[in-house]
Amino acid sequence: MKCHIVNKTNMDMDRLISMIEAFYPYARKAMEFNRPVDIELHSDPENADADFGKTAAYSPSEHKVILYVDNRHHKDILRSLSHELVHHLQNCRGEFDREFETGPGYAQEDGHLRKMEEEAYLLGNLCLRDYEDGIKSKGLFEKLLKEWCN
């Protein structure tokens, strides 16, 4: 179950796309969602200049994650992706199958949406952290093995 990534920016995003393609199977397995997701990379300079601009969004009806990429570290973008993939998991579980408002304050006023956000922050951050630590420890293992062989 591969994800479909579309670069809607005028920038070279090949390195970021490679990172997403490497992370996605790990996240899919860790989160166990059962439907593919589309991922779009967007450039929005005005949003990037805003102190509290958007970093990402999830569209439950389209099964799509939108990532805003301007002036952001790739790791930060992956963290946003991981968060939104938890929302995709929640959608696969049917948690978006009701009417709700997502305007300002939604995560403070709606108990169900608050719990969904809590899960997205916790599981999303931990998923990326575990992935990153696995990559780093693999690199450390390979380095130690190389030193031992020499």
C-alpha atoms as a PDB file:
ATOM      1  CA  MET A   1       0.000   0.000   0.000  1.00  0.00           C
ATOM      2  CA  LYS A   2       2.030   2.894  -1.349  1.00  0.00           C
ATOM      3  CA  CYS A   3       1.275   6.543  -0.846  1.00  0.00           C
ATOM      4  CA  HIS A   4       0.940   8.935  -3.755  1.00  0.00           C
ATOM      5  CA  ILE A   5       3.073  12.076  -3.316  1.00  0.00           C
ATOM      6  CA  VAL A   6       2.485  15.185  -5.405  1.00  0.00           C
ATOM      7  CA  ASN A   7       4.871  18.134  -5.324  1.00  0.00           C
ATOM      8  CA  LYS A   8       2.694  21.220  -5.839  1.00  0.00           C
ATOM      9  CA  THR A   9       5.595  23.599  -5.203  1.00  0.00           C
ATOM     10  CA  ASN A  10       8.025  25.125  -7.676  1.00  0.00           C
ATOM     11  CA  MET A  11      10.908  23.753  -5.595  1.00  0.00           C
ATOM     12  CA  ASP A  12      13.061  20.649  -5.869  1.00  0.00           C
ATOM     13  CA  MET A  13      11.595  18.385  -3.206  1.00  0.00           C
ATOM     14  CA  ASP A  14      13.333  15.153  -4.278  1.00  0.00           C
ATOM     15  CA  ARG A  15      15.224  14.722  -1.001  1.00  0.00           C
ATOM     16  CA  LEU A  16      12.108  15.307   1.103  1.00  0.00           C
ATOM     17  CA  ILE A  17      10.061  12.983  -1.111  1.00  0.00           C
ATOM     18  CA  SER A  18      12.697  10.261  -0.648  1.00  0.00           C
ATOM     19  CA  MET A  19      12.496  10.745   3.108  1.00  0.00           C
ATOM     20  CA  ILE A  20       8.693  10.516   3.020  1.00  0.00           C
ATOM     21  CA  GLU A  21       8.845   7.378   0.863  1.00  0.00           C
ATOM     22  CA  ALA A  22      11.226   5.789   3.397  1.00  0.00           C
ATOM     23  CA  PHE A  23       9.185   6.827   6.458  1.00  0.00           C
ATOM     24  CA  TYR A  24       5.706   6.020   5.143  1.00  0.00           C
ATOM     25  CA  PRO A  25       5.973   2.188   5.222  1.00  0.00           C
ATOM     26  CA  TYR A  26       7.328   2.364   8.773  1.00  0.00           C
ATOM     27  CA  ALA A  27       4.472   4.628   9.892  1.00  0.00           C
ATOM     28  CA  ARG A  28       1.867   2.508   8.096  1.00  0.00           C
ATOM     29  CA  LYS A  29       3.108  -0.624   9.856  1.00  0.00           C
ATOM     30  CA  ALA A  30       3.417   1.082  13.256  1.00  0.00           C
ATOM     31  CA  MET A  31      -0.013   2.714  13.073  1.00  0.00           C
ATOM     32  CA  GLU A  32      -1.714  -0.145  11.206  1.00  0.00           C
ATOM     33  CA  PHE A  33      -3.963   1.977   9.010  1.00  0.00           C
ATOM     34  CA  ASN A  34      -5.687   0.017   6.268  1.00  0.00           C
ATOM     35  CA  ARG A  35      -6.154   2.548   3.450  1.00  0.00           C
ATOM     36  CA  PRO A  36      -3.583   4.431   1.365  1.00  0.00           C
ATOM     37  CA  VAL A  37      -3.212   8.174   1.741  1.00  0.00           C
ATOM     38  CA  ASP A  38      -2.278  10.867  -0.760  1.00  0.00           C
ATOM     39  CA  ILE A  39       0.342  13.420   0.246  1.00  0.00           C
ATOM     40  CA  GLU A  40       0.669  16.872  -1.295  1.00  0.00           C
ATOM     41  CA  LEU A  41       3.567  19.257  -0.778  1.00  0.00           C
ATOM     42  CA  HIS A  42       2.458  22.896  -0.836  1.00  0.00           C
ATOM     43  CA  SER A  43       4.270  26.201  -0.879  1.00  0.00           C
ATOM     44  CA  ASP A  44       2.542  29.161   0.763  1.00  0.00           C
ATOM     45  CA  PRO A  45       4.992  32.022   1.503  1.00  0.00           C
ATOM     46  CA  GLU A  46       2.360  34.126   3.303  1.00  0.00           C
ATOM     47  CA  ASN A  47       1.497  31.195   5.550  1.00  0.00           C
ATOM     48  CA  ALA A  48       5.221  30.588   6.186  1.00  0.00           C
ATOM     49  CA  ASP A  49       5.629  34.195   7.353  1.00  0.00           C
ATOM     50  CA  ALA A  50       2.726  33.956   9.804  1.00  0.00           C
ATOM     51  CA  ASP A  51       3.788  33.320  13.399  1.00  0.00           C
ATOM     52  CA  PHE A  52       1.085  30.674  13.772  1.00  0.00           C
ATOM     53  CA  GLY A  53       0.768  29.550  10.169  1.00  0.00           C
ATOM     54  CA  LYS A  54      -0.366  26.086   9.115  1.00  0.00           C
ATOM     55  CA  THR A  55       2.184  23.269   9.013  1.00  0.00           C
ATOM     56  CA  ALA A  56      -0.101  20.538   7.675  1.00  0.00           C
ATOM     57  CA  ALA A  57      -3.706  19.451   7.290  1.00  0.00           C
ATOM     58  CA  TYR A  58      -5.669  16.259   6.752  1.00  0.00           C
ATOM     59  CA  SER A  59      -8.721  15.948   4.513  1.00  0.00           C
ATOM     60  CA  PRO A  60     -10.747  12.954   5.734  1.00  0.00           C
ATOM     61  CA  SER A  61     -13.060  12.897   2.699  1.00  0.00           C
ATOM     62  CA  GLU A  62     -10.107  12.750   0.284  1.00  0.00           C
ATOM     63  CA  HIS A  63      -7.738  10.664   2.451  1.00  0.00           C
ATOM     64  CA  LYS A  64      -5.149  13.360   1.809  1.00  0.00           C
ATOM     65  CA  VAL A  65      -2.396  14.994   3.841  1.00  0.00           C
ATOM     66  CA  ILE A  66      -1.238  18.471   2.866  1.00  0.00           C
ATOM     67  CA  LEU A  67       2.240  19.479   4.029  1.00  0.00           C
ATOM     68  CA  TYR A  68       3.390  23.100   3.959  1.00  0.00           C
ATOM     69  CA  VAL A  69       7.114  23.089   3.188  1.00  0.00           C
ATOM     70  CA  ASP A  70       8.344  26.695   3.056  1.00  0.00           C
ATOM     71  CA  ASN A  71      11.280  27.459   5.384  1.00  0.00           C
ATOM     72  CA  ARG A  72      10.965  24.187   7.315  1.00  0.00           C
ATOM     73  CA  HIS A  73      13.444  21.512   8.309  1.00  0.00           C
ATOM     74  CA  HIS A  74      12.709  18.138   6.719  1.00  0.00           C
ATOM     75  CA  LYS A  75      12.462  16.498  10.141  1.00  0.00           C
ATOM     76  CA  ASP A  76       9.815  19.030  11.145  1.00  0.00           C
ATOM     77  CA  ILE A  77       7.855  18.280   7.974  1.00  0.00           C
ATOM     78  CA  LEU A  78       8.062  14.549   8.722  1.00  0.00           C
ATOM     79  CA  ARG A  79       6.788  15.251  12.247  1.00  0.00           C
ATOM     80  CA  SER A  80       3.788  17.046  10.731  1.00  0.00           C
ATOM     81  CA  LEU A  81       3.255  14.134   8.343  1.00  0.00           C
ATOM     82  CA  SER A  82       3.350  11.643  11.196  1.00  0.00           C
ATOM     83  CA  HIS A  83       0.761  13.686  13.118  1.00  0.00           C
ATOM     84  CA  GLU A  84      -1.551  13.808  10.102  1.00  0.00           C
ATOM     85  CA  LEU A  85      -1.101  10.076   9.471  1.00  0.00           C
ATOM     86  CA  VAL A  86      -2.578   9.483  12.921  1.00  0.00           C
ATOM     87  CA  HIS A  87      -5.622  11.459  11.768  1.00  0.00           C
ATOM     88  CA  HIS A  88      -5.710   9.177   8.719  1.00  0.00           C
ATOM     89  CA  LEU A  89      -5.650   6.172  11.071  1.00  0.00           C
ATOM     90  CA  GLN A  90      -8.509   7.725  13.038  1.00  0.00           C
ATOM     91  CA  ASN A  91     -10.416   8.207   9.789  1.00  0.00           C
ATOM     92  CA  CYS A  92      -9.838   4.544   8.884  1.00  0.00           C
ATOM     93  CA  ARG A  93     -11.276   3.618  12.299  1.00  0.00           C
ATOM     94  CA  GLY A  94     -14.405   5.702  11.571  1.00  0.00           C
ATOM     95  CA  GLU A  95     -13.746   8.511  14.032  1.00  0.00           C
ATOM     96  CA  PHE A  96     -14.481  11.195  11.431  1.00  0.00           C
ATOM     97  CA  ASP A  97     -17.922   9.720  10.700  1.00  0.00           C
ATOM     98  CA  ARG A  98     -19.836  12.464  12.511  1.00  0.00           C
ATOM     99  CA  GLU A  99     -20.463  16.181  12.211  1.00  0.00           C
ATOM    100  CA  PHE A 100     -17.945  18.441  13.930  1.00  0.00           C
ATOM    101  CA  GLU A 101     -16.482  21.918  13.692  1.00  0.00           C
ATOM    102  CA  THR A 102     -12.735  22.417  13.215  1.00  0.00           C
ATOM    103  CA  GLY A 103     -12.516  26.171  13.591  1.00  0.00           C
ATOM    104  CA  PRO A 104     -10.421  27.913  16.259  1.00  0.00           C
ATOM    105  CA  GLY A 105     -10.834  26.273  19.649  1.00  0.00           C
ATOM    106  CA  TYR A 106     -12.166  22.959  18.336  1.00  0.00           C
ATOM    107  CA  ALA A 107      -9.583  20.963  20.312  1.00  0.00           C
ATOM    108  CA  GLN A 108     -10.529  22.792  23.503  1.00  0.00           C
ATOM    109  CA  GLU A 109     -14.317  22.680  23.131  1.00  0.00           C
ATOM    110  CA  ASP A 110     -15.039  19.189  21.772  1.00  0.00           C
ATOM    111  CA  GLY A 111     -13.926  16.348  24.061  1.00  0.00           C
ATOM    112  CA  HIS A 112     -13.830  13.766  21.263  1.00  0.00           C
ATOM    113  CA  LEU A 113     -11.705  15.991  19.022  1.00  0.00           C
ATOM    114  CA  ARG A 114      -9.458  16.779  22.011  1.00  0.00           C
ATOM    115  CA  LYS A 115      -8.768  13.058  22.468  1.00  0.00           C
ATOM    116  CA  MET A 116      -8.093  12.692  18.740  1.00  0.00           C
ATOM    117  CA  GLU A 117      -5.555  15.534  18.892  1.00  0.00           C
ATOM    118  CA  GLU A 118      -3.921  14.053  21.994  1.00  0.00           C
ATOM    119  CA  GLU A 119      -3.483  10.742  20.175  1.00  0.00           C
ATOM    120  CA  ALA A 120      -2.128  12.486  17.077  1.00  0.00           C
ATOM    121  CA  TYR A 121       0.462  14.427  19.076  1.00  0.00           C
ATOM    122  CA  LEU A 122       1.538  11.453  21.173  1.00  0.00           C
ATOM    123  CA  LEU A 123       1.501   8.665  18.589  1.00  0.00           C
ATOM    124  CA  GLY A 124       2.697  10.897  15.750  1.00  0.00           C
ATOM    125  CA  ASN A 125       5.711  12.231  17.640  1.00  0.00           C
ATOM    126  CA  LEU A 126       6.638   8.850  19.077  1.00  0.00           C
ATOM    127  CA  CYS A 127       6.363   7.165  15.691  1.00  0.00           C
ATOM    128  CA  LEU A 128       8.801   9.613  14.130  1.00  0.00           C
ATOM    129  CA  ARG A 129      11.084   9.432  17.181  1.00  0.00           C
ATOM    130  CA  ASP A 130      11.196   5.628  17.027  1.00  0.00           C
ATOM    131  CA  TYR A 131      11.870   5.745  13.281  1.00  0.00           C
ATOM    132  CA  GLU A 132      14.659   8.287  13.714  1.00  0.00           C
ATOM    133  CA  ASP A 133      16.238   6.380  16.605  1.00  0.00           C
ATOM    134  CA  GLY A 134      16.137   3.195  14.530  1.00  0.00           C
ATOM    135  CA  ILE A 135      17.940   4.900  11.673  1.00  0.00           C
ATOM    136  CA  LYS A 136      20.529   6.397  13.988  1.00  0.00           C
ATOM    137  CA  SER A 137      21.159   3.128  15.833  1.00  0.00           C
ATOM    138  CA  LYS A 138      21.469   1.266  12.524  1.00  0.00           C
ATOM    139  CA  GLY A 139      24.092   3.792  11.443  1.00  0.00           C
ATOM    140  CA  LEU A 140      25.876   3.361  14.771  1.00  0.00           C
ATOM    141  CA  PHE A 141      25.788  -0.429  14.427  1.00  0.00           C
ATOM    142  CA  GLU A 142      27.214  -0.262  10.906  1.00  0.00           C
ATOM    143  CA  LYS A 143      29.958   2.117  12.080  1.00  0.00           C
ATOM    144  CA  LEU A 144      30.905  -0.148  15.002  1.00  0.00           C
ATOM    145  CA  LEU A 145      30.892  -3.211  12.729  1.00  0.00           C
ATOM    146  CA  LYS A 146      33.134  -1.437  10.240  1.00  0.00           C
ATOM    147  CA  GLU A 147      35.548  -0.430  13.021  1.00  0.00           C
ATOM    148  CA  TRP A 148      35.571  -4.003  14.357  1.00  0.00           C
ATOM    149  CA  CYS A 149      36.307  -5.425  10.896  1.00  0.00           C
ATOM    150  CA  ASN A 150      39.217  -3.021  10.443  1.00  0.00           C
END
